[in-house]
N, C-alpha and C. Protein backbone atom coordinates (compact mmCIF):
# COMPACT_ATOMS: atom_id res chain seq x y z
N MET A 1 188.71 84.04 14.15
CA MET A 1 187.10 84.66 14.38
C MET A 1 186.29 83.94 15.20
N THR A 2 185.61 84.15 16.01
CA THR A 2 184.75 83.14 16.77
C THR A 2 183.23 83.81 16.83
N THR A 3 182.23 82.73 16.83
CA THR A 3 180.86 82.81 16.45
C THR A 3 180.26 82.71 17.78
N ASP A 4 179.61 83.48 18.36
CA ASP A 4 178.82 83.37 19.72
C ASP A 4 177.38 82.42 19.11
N THR A 5 177.28 81.32 19.75
CA THR A 5 176.27 80.25 19.62
C THR A 5 175.37 80.32 20.63
N CYS A 6 175.42 81.17 21.49
CA CYS A 6 174.57 81.33 22.56
C CYS A 6 173.04 81.20 22.29
N HIS A 7 172.01 80.53 23.01
CA HIS A 7 170.55 80.48 22.62
C HIS A 7 169.88 80.39 24.00
N ASP A 8 168.68 80.49 24.02
CA ASP A 8 167.83 80.75 25.20
C ASP A 8 167.25 79.46 25.24
N ASP A 9 167.58 78.68 26.44
CA ASP A 9 167.13 77.34 26.71
C ASP A 9 165.90 77.54 27.85
N SER A 10 165.52 78.70 28.46
CA SER A 10 164.47 79.01 29.19
C SER A 10 163.24 78.28 28.84
N TYR A 11 162.75 78.41 27.60
CA TYR A 11 161.63 77.71 27.42
C TYR A 11 161.70 76.25 26.43
N PRO A 12 160.92 75.25 26.71
CA PRO A 12 161.12 74.21 26.03
C PRO A 12 161.03 74.56 24.36
N PRO A 13 161.53 73.82 23.63
CA PRO A 13 161.43 74.00 22.10
C PRO A 13 160.12 73.58 21.69
N PRO A 14 159.43 74.26 20.74
CA PRO A 14 157.87 73.80 20.33
C PRO A 14 158.01 72.43 19.90
N VAL A 15 156.58 71.85 20.01
CA VAL A 15 156.46 70.38 19.66
C VAL A 15 156.03 70.49 18.36
N GLN A 16 156.72 69.81 17.56
CA GLN A 16 156.59 69.52 16.36
C GLN A 16 155.81 68.13 15.80
N ARG A 17 154.69 68.18 15.44
CA ARG A 17 154.19 67.01 15.36
C ARG A 17 154.29 66.37 13.75
N LYS A 18 154.53 65.19 13.54
CA LYS A 18 154.98 64.76 12.17
C LYS A 18 153.73 64.38 11.56
N ALA A 19 153.69 64.29 10.23
CA ALA A 19 152.60 63.46 9.52
C ALA A 19 151.09 64.13 9.96
N VAL A 20 151.10 65.30 10.10
CA VAL A 20 149.63 65.86 10.30
C VAL A 20 149.23 66.27 9.07
N LEU A 21 147.80 65.92 8.81
CA LEU A 21 147.00 66.30 7.88
C LEU A 21 146.03 67.54 8.37
N PHE A 22 145.85 68.37 7.44
CA PHE A 22 144.74 69.51 7.58
C PHE A 22 143.65 69.44 6.54
N CYS A 23 142.48 69.44 7.20
CA CYS A 23 141.39 69.47 5.97
C CYS A 23 141.38 70.73 5.19
N PRO A 24 141.33 70.89 3.99
CA PRO A 24 141.35 71.96 3.24
C PRO A 24 139.94 72.82 3.16
N GLU A 25 139.11 72.18 3.79
CA GLU A 25 137.55 72.72 3.65
C GLU A 25 137.31 73.55 5.19
N CYS A 26 137.73 72.59 6.14
CA CYS A 26 137.25 73.15 7.65
C CYS A 26 138.46 73.27 8.61
N ASP A 27 139.74 73.12 8.08
CA ASP A 27 141.03 73.45 8.92
C ASP A 27 141.16 72.47 10.10
N HIS A 28 140.12 71.30 10.03
CA HIS A 28 140.41 70.20 11.19
C HIS A 28 141.72 69.59 11.01
N GLU A 29 142.57 69.45 11.75
CA GLU A 29 144.03 68.91 11.77
C GLU A 29 144.09 67.46 12.84
N SER A 30 144.62 66.60 12.31
CA SER A 30 144.95 65.40 13.14
C SER A 30 145.98 64.58 12.41
N PRO A 31 146.82 63.83 13.39
CA PRO A 31 147.87 63.05 12.49
C PRO A 31 147.19 61.96 11.51
N ILE A 32 148.00 61.33 10.60
CA ILE A 32 147.57 60.27 9.87
C ILE A 32 146.53 59.47 10.48
N SER A 33 147.32 58.84 11.42
CA SER A 33 146.63 57.79 12.20
C SER A 33 145.32 58.27 13.20
N GLY A 34 145.24 59.47 13.11
CA GLY A 34 144.28 60.02 14.08
C GLY A 34 142.78 59.65 13.72
N ASP A 35 142.01 60.64 13.86
CA ASP A 35 140.43 60.56 13.84
C ASP A 35 139.88 60.55 12.27
N TRP A 36 140.60 60.43 11.44
CA TRP A 36 140.06 60.59 10.04
C TRP A 36 139.14 59.15 9.78
N GLU A 37 138.08 59.45 8.95
CA GLU A 37 137.61 58.14 8.36
C GLU A 37 138.24 57.55 7.24
N THR A 38 138.46 56.01 7.46
CA THR A 38 139.19 55.58 6.43
C THR A 38 138.15 54.70 5.38
N THR A 39 138.28 55.28 4.11
CA THR A 39 137.30 54.39 3.35
C THR A 39 138.02 53.82 2.12
N THR A 40 137.64 52.83 1.50
CA THR A 40 138.53 52.19 0.38
C THR A 40 137.55 52.26 -0.78
N VAL A 41 137.74 52.78 -1.93
CA VAL A 41 137.10 52.93 -3.21
C VAL A 41 137.83 52.34 -4.22
N GLY A 42 137.51 51.37 -4.87
CA GLY A 42 138.35 50.62 -6.02
C GLY A 42 139.61 50.33 -5.36
N ASP A 43 140.64 50.80 -5.93
CA ASP A 43 142.07 50.60 -5.43
C ASP A 43 142.71 51.86 -4.82
N GLU A 44 141.72 52.59 -4.15
CA GLU A 44 142.28 53.88 -3.45
C GLU A 44 141.80 53.61 -1.97
N ARG A 45 142.82 54.14 -1.23
CA ARG A 45 142.30 54.22 0.32
C ARG A 45 142.19 55.79 0.47
N LEU A 46 141.06 56.18 1.06
CA LEU A 46 140.68 57.83 1.12
C LEU A 46 140.62 57.94 2.75
N LEU A 47 141.22 58.96 3.17
CA LEU A 47 141.01 59.83 4.50
C LEU A 47 140.16 60.73 4.37
N VAL A 48 139.10 60.77 5.10
CA VAL A 48 137.95 61.64 5.01
C VAL A 48 137.72 62.41 6.32
N CYS A 49 137.51 63.68 6.33
CA CYS A 49 137.38 64.58 7.43
C CYS A 49 136.13 64.16 8.23
N THR A 50 136.23 63.88 9.40
CA THR A 50 135.06 63.59 10.50
C THR A 50 134.25 64.62 10.68
N ASP A 51 134.82 65.89 10.53
CA ASP A 51 134.02 66.93 10.76
C ASP A 51 133.18 67.37 9.54
N CYS A 52 133.78 67.64 8.40
CA CYS A 52 133.05 67.98 7.14
C CYS A 52 132.78 67.02 5.98
N GLY A 53 133.40 66.09 6.17
CA GLY A 53 133.26 64.83 5.10
C GLY A 53 134.15 65.01 3.93
N SER A 54 135.12 65.94 3.86
CA SER A 54 136.04 66.11 2.64
C SER A 54 137.00 65.07 2.62
N VAL A 55 137.32 64.71 1.41
CA VAL A 55 138.63 63.78 1.32
C VAL A 55 139.81 64.54 1.40
N VAL A 56 140.52 64.29 2.45
CA VAL A 56 142.06 65.02 2.76
C VAL A 56 143.23 64.49 2.20
N ASP A 57 143.15 62.92 1.94
CA ASP A 57 144.25 62.20 1.39
C ASP A 57 143.66 61.08 0.52
N ARG A 58 144.35 60.91 -0.70
CA ARG A 58 143.95 59.92 -1.41
C ARG A 58 145.21 59.01 -2.01
N ARG A 59 145.16 57.83 -1.68
CA ARG A 59 146.42 57.03 -2.07
C ARG A 59 146.00 55.66 -2.58
N SER A 60 146.93 55.10 -3.55
CA SER A 60 146.79 53.73 -3.96
C SER A 60 146.65 52.62 -2.90
N ARG A 61 146.11 51.58 -2.70
CA ARG A 61 146.14 50.76 -1.48
C ARG A 61 147.47 50.22 -1.27
N ASP A 62 148.32 49.95 -2.34
CA ASP A 62 149.75 49.48 -2.37
C ASP A 62 150.63 50.75 -1.39
N ARG A 63 150.41 51.91 -1.48
CA ARG A 63 151.13 52.84 -0.90
C ARG A 63 150.57 53.17 0.51
N SER A 64 149.18 53.11 0.66
CA SER A 64 148.73 53.29 2.07
C SER A 64 148.89 52.25 3.10
N GLU A 65 149.53 51.06 2.56
CA GLU A 65 149.91 50.22 3.75
C GLU A 65 151.03 50.66 4.74
N LEU A 66 151.64 51.64 3.97
CA LEU A 66 152.86 52.39 4.78
C LEU A 66 152.46 53.35 5.67
N VAL A 67 151.36 53.65 5.71
CA VAL A 67 150.69 54.86 6.75
C VAL A 67 149.42 54.35 7.49
N GLU A 68 149.17 53.03 7.49
CA GLU A 68 147.79 52.76 8.29
C GLU A 68 148.54 52.44 9.88
N PRO A 69 147.52 52.87 10.68
CA PRO A 69 147.86 52.78 11.93
C PRO A 69 148.20 51.42 12.56
N ALA A 70 149.05 51.23 13.44
CA ALA A 70 149.34 49.84 13.72
C ALA A 70 148.35 49.23 14.95
């Protein structure tokens, strides 16, 4: 038994962006290293939406070093 694996290559595949955050309040979206405001409070690093001021990500500073922009 054979399986037909034909697919349509006439359109490019959709571009998938990795590590995109979405603001739960205003639906603003940007990569982790995008236009979020970065604030440190105590031992936490916060990413704050530049449109509405909501916190979209909260991490301990130890873990935040993995996602800081280069």
